[in-house]
PDB file of N, CA and C in Angstrom:
ATOM      1  N   MET A   1       0.843  -1.185   0.000  1.00  0.00           N
ATOM      2  CA  MET A   1       0.000   0.000   0.000  1.00  0.00           C
ATOM      3  C   MET A   1       0.886   1.246   0.000  1.00  0.00           C
ATOM      4  N   LYS A   2       0.382   2.316  -0.589  1.00  0.00           N
ATOM      5  CA  LYS A   2       1.145   3.555  -0.654  1.00  0.00           C
ATOM      6  C   LYS A   2       1.321   4.166   0.724  1.00  0.00           C
ATOM      7  N   LYS A   3       2.380   4.919   0.860  1.00  0.00           N
ATOM      8  CA  LYS A   3       2.615   5.664   2.092  1.00  0.00           C
ATOM      9  C   LYS A   3       2.533   7.147   1.775  1.00  0.00           C
ATOM     10  N   ILE A   4       2.131   7.911   2.770  1.00  0.00           N
ATOM     11  CA  ILE A   4       2.130   9.366   2.640  1.00  0.00           C
ATOM     12  C   ILE A   4       2.931   9.945   3.797  1.00  0.00           C
ATOM     13  N   ARG A   5       3.526  11.089   3.550  1.00  0.00           N
ATOM     14  CA  ARG A   5       4.271  11.810   4.577  1.00  0.00           C
ATOM     15  C   ARG A   5       3.490  13.079   4.881  1.00  0.00           C
ATOM     16  N   VAL A   6       3.100  13.253   6.135  1.00  0.00           N
ATOM     17  CA  VAL A   6       2.289  14.387   6.560  1.00  0.00           C
ATOM     18  C   VAL A   6       3.128  15.272   7.468  1.00  0.00           C
ATOM     19  N   THR A   7       3.212  16.569   7.125  1.00  0.00           N
ATOM     20  CA  THR A   7       3.985  17.533   7.900  1.00  0.00           C
ATOM     21  C   THR A   7       3.047  18.639   8.370  1.00  0.00           C
ATOM     22  N   GLN A   8       3.080  18.932   9.659  1.00  0.00           N
ATOM     23  CA  GLN A   8       2.268  20.029  10.189  1.00  0.00           C
ATOM     24  C   GLN A   8       2.946  21.348   9.839  1.00  0.00           C
ATOM     25  N   ILE A   9       2.203  22.257   9.186  1.00  0.00           N
ATOM     26  CA  ILE A   9       2.777  23.539   8.789  1.00  0.00           C
ATOM     27  C   ILE A   9       2.113  24.718   9.485  1.00  0.00           C
ATOM     28  N   ARG A  10       0.952  24.490  10.096  1.00  0.00           N
ATOM     29  CA  ARG A  10       0.282  25.562  10.830  1.00  0.00           C
ATOM     30  C   ARG A  10      -0.149  25.039  12.192  1.00  0.00           C
ATOM     31  N   SER A  11      -0.308  25.943  13.128  1.00  0.00           N
ATOM     32  CA  SER A  11      -0.627  25.592  14.501  1.00  0.00           C
ATOM     33  C   SER A  11      -2.090  25.186  14.663  1.00  0.00           C
ATOM     34  N   GLY A  12      -2.324  24.348  15.662  1.00  0.00           N
ATOM     35  CA  GLY A  12      -3.684  23.957  16.007  1.00  0.00           C
ATOM     36  C   GLY A  12      -4.314  24.889  17.037  1.00  0.00           C
ATOM     37  N   ILE A  13      -3.563  25.877  17.500  1.00  0.00           N
ATOM     38  CA  ILE A  13      -4.071  26.815  18.493  1.00  0.00           C
ATOM     39  C   ILE A  13      -5.195  27.634  17.866  1.00  0.00           C
ATOM     40  N   GLY A  14      -6.292  27.746  18.582  1.00  0.00           N
ATOM     41  CA  GLY A  14      -7.426  28.525  18.099  1.00  0.00           C
ATOM     42  C   GLY A  14      -8.322  27.764  17.135  1.00  0.00           C
ATOM     43  N   ARG A  15      -8.015  26.510  16.903  1.00  0.00           N
ATOM     44  CA  ARG A  15      -8.821  25.670  16.011  1.00  0.00           C
ATOM     45  C   ARG A  15      -9.857  24.910  16.832  1.00  0.00           C
ATOM     46  N   PRO A  16     -10.922  24.453  16.197  1.00  0.00           N
ATOM     47  CA  PRO A  16     -11.912  23.655  16.922  1.00  0.00           C
ATOM     48  C   PRO A  16     -11.276  22.394  17.530  1.00  0.00           C
ATOM     49  N   LEU A  17     -11.825  21.944  18.633  1.00  0.00           N
ATOM     50  CA  LEU A  17     -11.292  20.784  19.338  1.00  0.00           C
ATOM     51  C   LEU A  17     -11.207  19.565  18.423  1.00  0.00           C
ATOM     52  N   ARG A  18     -12.149  19.416  17.537  1.00  0.00           N
ATOM     53  CA  ARG A  18     -12.157  18.276  16.622  1.00  0.00           C
ATOM     54  C   ARG A  18     -10.906  18.268  15.729  1.00  0.00           C
ATOM     55  N   GLN A  19     -10.500  19.447  15.262  1.00  0.00           N
ATOM     56  CA  GLN A  19      -9.297  19.535  14.428  1.00  0.00           C
ATOM     57  C   GLN A  19      -8.037  19.285  15.253  1.00  0.00           C
ATOM     58  N   LYS A  20      -8.008  19.780  16.483  1.00  0.00           N
ATOM     59  CA  LYS A  20      -6.863  19.530  17.364  1.00  0.00           C
ATOM     60  C   LYS A  20      -6.702  18.034  17.618  1.00  0.00           C
ATOM     61  N   ARG A  21      -7.815  17.365  17.866  1.00  0.00           N
ATOM     62  CA  ARG A  21      -7.766  15.929  18.129  1.00  0.00           C
ATOM     63  C   ARG A  21      -7.377  15.132  16.888  1.00  0.00           C
ATOM     64  N   THR A  22      -7.767  15.624  15.723  1.00  0.00           N
ATOM     65  CA  THR A  22      -7.370  14.964  14.479  1.00  0.00           C
ATOM     66  C   THR A  22      -5.860  15.056  14.298  1.00  0.00           C
ATOM     67  N   LEU A  23      -5.276  16.221  14.589  1.00  0.00           N
ATOM     68  CA  LEU A  23      -3.821  16.362  14.520  1.00  0.00           C
ATOM     69  C   LEU A  23      -3.146  15.391  15.488  1.00  0.00           C
ATOM     70  N   GLN A  24      -3.681  15.279  16.699  1.00  0.00           N
ATOM     71  CA  GLN A  24      -3.110  14.367  17.688  1.00  0.00           C
ATOM     72  C   GLN A  24      -3.220  12.922  17.211  1.00  0.00           C
ATOM     73  N   ALA A  25      -4.352  12.573  16.621  1.00  0.00           N
ATOM     74  CA  ALA A  25      -4.554  11.208  16.142  1.00  0.00           C
ATOM     75  C   ALA A  25      -3.602  10.874  15.000  1.00  0.00           C
ATOM     76  N   LEU A  26      -3.231  11.865  14.226  1.00  0.00           N
ATOM     77  CA  LEU A  26      -2.248  11.657  13.157  1.00  0.00           C
ATOM     78  C   LEU A  26      -0.828  11.566  13.707  1.00  0.00           C
ATOM     79  N   GLY A  27      -0.642  11.930  14.978  1.00  0.00           N
ATOM     80  CA  GLY A  27       0.680  11.867  15.599  1.00  0.00           C
ATOM     81  C   GLY A  27       1.456  13.157  15.489  1.00  0.00           C
ATOM     82  N   LEU A  28       0.758  14.252  15.201  1.00  0.00           N
ATOM     83  CA  LEU A  28       1.423  15.546  15.045  1.00  0.00           C
ATOM     84  C   LEU A  28       1.249  16.377  16.306  1.00  0.00           C
ATOM     85  N   ARG A  29       2.366  16.891  16.838  1.00  0.00           N
ATOM     86  CA  ARG A  29       2.317  17.703  18.050  1.00  0.00           C
ATOM     87  C   ARG A  29       2.941  19.069  17.863  1.00  0.00           C
ATOM     88  N   LYS A  30       3.913  19.177  16.949  1.00  0.00           N
ATOM     89  CA  LYS A  30       4.644  20.430  16.776  1.00  0.00           C
ATOM     90  C   LYS A  30       4.651  20.831  15.305  1.00  0.00           C
ATOM     91  N   ILE A  31       4.813  22.118  15.060  1.00  0.00           N
ATOM     92  CA  ILE A  31       4.956  22.605  13.699  1.00  0.00           C
ATOM     93  C   ILE A  31       6.264  22.055  13.137  1.00  0.00           C
ATOM     94  N   ARG A  32       6.257  21.677  11.873  1.00  0.00           N
ATOM     95  CA  ARG A  32       7.372  21.079  11.129  1.00  0.00           C
ATOM     96  C   ARG A  32       7.652  19.639  11.524  1.00  0.00           C
ATOM     97  N   GLN A  33       6.802  19.035  12.339  1.00  0.00           N
ATOM     98  CA  GLN A  33       6.948  17.623  12.653  1.00  0.00           C
ATOM     99  C   GLN A  33       6.359  16.812  11.503  1.00  0.00           C
ATOM    100  N   THR A  34       7.026  15.739  11.132  1.00  0.00           N
ATOM    101  CA  THR A  34       6.603  14.903  10.013  1.00  0.00           C
ATOM    102  C   THR A  34       6.355  13.485  10.497  1.00  0.00           C
ATOM    103  N   VAL A  35       5.276  12.889  10.004  1.00  0.00           N
ATOM    104  CA  VAL A  35       4.961  11.489  10.297  1.00  0.00           C
ATOM    105  C   VAL A  35       4.626  10.789   8.989  1.00  0.00           C
ATOM    106  N   GLU A  36       4.826   9.475   8.973  1.00  0.00           N
ATOM    107  CA  GLU A  36       4.482   8.668   7.806  1.00  0.00           C
ATOM    108  C   GLU A  36       3.341   7.740   8.165  1.00  0.00           C
ATOM    109  N   HIS A  37       2.405   7.600   7.230  1.00  0.00           N
ATOM    110  CA  HIS A  37       1.254   6.725   7.420  1.00  0.00           C
ATOM    111  C   HIS A  37       0.970   5.976   6.139  1.00  0.00           C
ATOM    112  N   GLU A  38       0.308   4.833   6.274  1.00  0.00           N
ATOM    113  CA  GLU A  38      -0.231   4.136   5.111  1.00  0.00           C
ATOM    114  C   GLU A  38      -1.379   4.978   4.565  1.00  0.00           C
ATOM    115  N   ALA A  39      -1.571   4.970   3.268  1.00  0.00           N
ATOM    116  CA  ALA A  39      -2.617   5.780   2.637  1.00  0.00           C
ATOM    117  C   ALA A  39      -3.951   5.030   2.647  1.00  0.00           C
ATOM    118  N   THR A  40      -4.471   4.766   3.852  1.00  0.00           N
ATOM    119  CA  THR A  40      -5.766   4.107   3.982  1.00  0.00           C
ATOM    120  C   THR A  40      -6.872   5.148   3.875  1.00  0.00           C
ATOM    121  N   PRO A  41      -8.092   4.735   3.583  1.00  0.00           N
ATOM    122  CA  PRO A  41      -9.199   5.694   3.515  1.00  0.00           C
ATOM    123  C   PRO A  41      -9.403   6.464   4.823  1.00  0.00           C
ATOM    124  N   GLN A  42      -9.157   5.816   5.956  1.00  0.00           N
ATOM    125  CA  GLN A  42      -9.323   6.481   7.247  1.00  0.00           C
ATOM    126  C   GLN A  42      -8.307   7.603   7.424  1.00  0.00           C
ATOM    127  N   ILE A  43      -7.060   7.330   7.116  1.00  0.00           N
ATOM    128  CA  ILE A  43      -5.996   8.331   7.252  1.00  0.00           C
ATOM    129  C   ILE A  43      -6.221   9.468   6.260  1.00  0.00           C
ATOM    130  N   LEU A  44      -6.582   9.138   5.027  1.00  0.00           N
ATOM    131  CA  LEU A  44      -6.818  10.171   4.024  1.00  0.00           C
ATOM    132  C   LEU A  44      -7.983  11.070   4.421  1.00  0.00           C
ATOM    133  N   GLY A  45      -9.003  10.507   5.050  1.00  0.00           N
ATOM    134  CA  GLY A  45     -10.133  11.310   5.533  1.00  0.00           C
ATOM    135  C   GLY A  45      -9.706  12.248   6.644  1.00  0.00           C
ATOM    136  N   MET A  46      -8.846  11.771   7.545  1.00  0.00           N
ATOM    137  CA  MET A  46      -8.353  12.623   8.624  1.00  0.00           C
ATOM    138  C   MET A  46      -7.510  13.762   8.065  1.00  0.00           C
ATOM    139  N   VAL A  47      -6.661  13.450   7.091  1.00  0.00           N
ATOM    140  CA  VAL A  47      -5.823  14.476   6.473  1.00  0.00           C
ATOM    141  C   VAL A  47      -6.696  15.514   5.777  1.00  0.00           C
ATOM    142  N   HIS A  48      -7.751  15.059   5.113  1.00  0.00           N
ATOM    143  CA  HIS A  48      -8.652  15.980   4.412  1.00  0.00           C
ATOM    144  C   HIS A  48      -9.303  16.982   5.371  1.00  0.00           C
ATOM    145  N   LYS A  49      -9.588  16.555   6.598  1.00  0.00           N
ATOM    146  CA  LYS A  49     -10.225  17.436   7.581  1.00  0.00           C
ATOM    147  C   LYS A  49      -9.294  18.536   8.086  1.00  0.00           C
ATOM    148  N   VAL A  50      -7.983  18.305   8.012  1.00  0.00           N
ATOM    149  CA  VAL A  50      -7.023  19.309   8.491  1.00  0.00           C
ATOM    150  C   VAL A  50      -6.041  19.706   7.395  1.00  0.00           C
ATOM    151  N   ILE A  51      -6.461  19.620   6.143  1.00  0.00           N
ATOM    152  CA  ILE A  51      -5.568  19.876   5.017  1.00  0.00           C
ATOM    153  C   ILE A  51      -5.012  21.296   5.041  1.00  0.00           C
ATOM    154  N   HIS A  52      -5.721  22.231   5.667  1.00  0.00           N
ATOM    155  CA  HIS A  52      -5.251  23.612   5.753  1.00  0.00           C
ATOM    156  C   HIS A  52      -4.154  23.784   6.803  1.00  0.00           C
ATOM    157  N   LEU A  53      -3.900  22.751   7.603  1.00  0.00           N
ATOM    158  CA  LEU A  53      -2.880  22.808   8.645  1.00  0.00           C
ATOM    159  C   LEU A  53      -1.658  21.928   8.332  1.00  0.00           C
ATOM    160  N   VAL A  54      -1.764  21.097   7.313  1.00  0.00           N
ATOM    161  CA  VAL A  54      -0.703  20.147   7.020  1.00  0.00           C
ATOM    162  C   VAL A  54      -0.296  20.199   5.554  1.00  0.00           C
ATOM    163  N   GLU A  55       0.853  19.587   5.294  1.00  0.00           N
ATOM    164  CA  GLU A  55       1.364  19.435   3.930  1.00  0.00           C
ATOM    165  C   GLU A  55       1.536  17.935   3.701  1.00  0.00           C
ATOM    166  N   VAL A  56       1.098  17.444   2.554  1.00  0.00           N
ATOM    167  CA  VAL A  56       1.115  15.996   2.290  1.00  0.00           C
ATOM    168  C   VAL A  56       1.992  15.707   1.084  1.00  0.00           C
ATOM    169  N   GLU A  57       2.838  14.685   1.237  1.00  0.00           N
ATOM    170  CA  GLU A  57       3.684  14.202   0.133  1.00  0.00           C
ATOM    171  C   GLU A  57       3.457  12.706  -0.021  1.00  0.00           C
ATOM    172  N   GLU A  58       3.355  12.265  -1.263  1.00  0.00           N
ATOM    173  CA  GLU A  58       3.245  10.841  -1.520  1.00  0.00           C
ATOM    174  C   GLU A  58       4.638  10.259  -1.669  1.00  0.00           C
ATOM    175  N   GLU A  59       4.855   9.069  -1.125  1.00  0.00           N
ATOM    176  CA  GLU A  59       6.135   8.401  -1.263  1.00  0.00           C
ATOM    177  C   GLU A  59       6.034   7.365  -2.352  1.00  0.00           C
ATOM    178  N   VAL A  60       7.126   7.191  -3.035  1.00  0.00           N
ATOM    179  CA  VAL A  60       7.147   6.225  -4.154  1.00  0.00           C
ATOM    180  C   VAL A  60       7.528   4.863  -3.666  1.00  0.00           C
TER     181      VAL A  60
END
């Protein structure tokens, strides 16, 4: 399965609690922190909800 690399580029401060919890569930705690995940429908849905706070790269 494909992997994606998710990097937090904006802060979760001042965001709705649901978005903060989505960042935590993705494993992101700090700006410029990067995590890798499998590109499952669940992960892609979570990324879509906070796409304005993160940067996504596909890995080959």
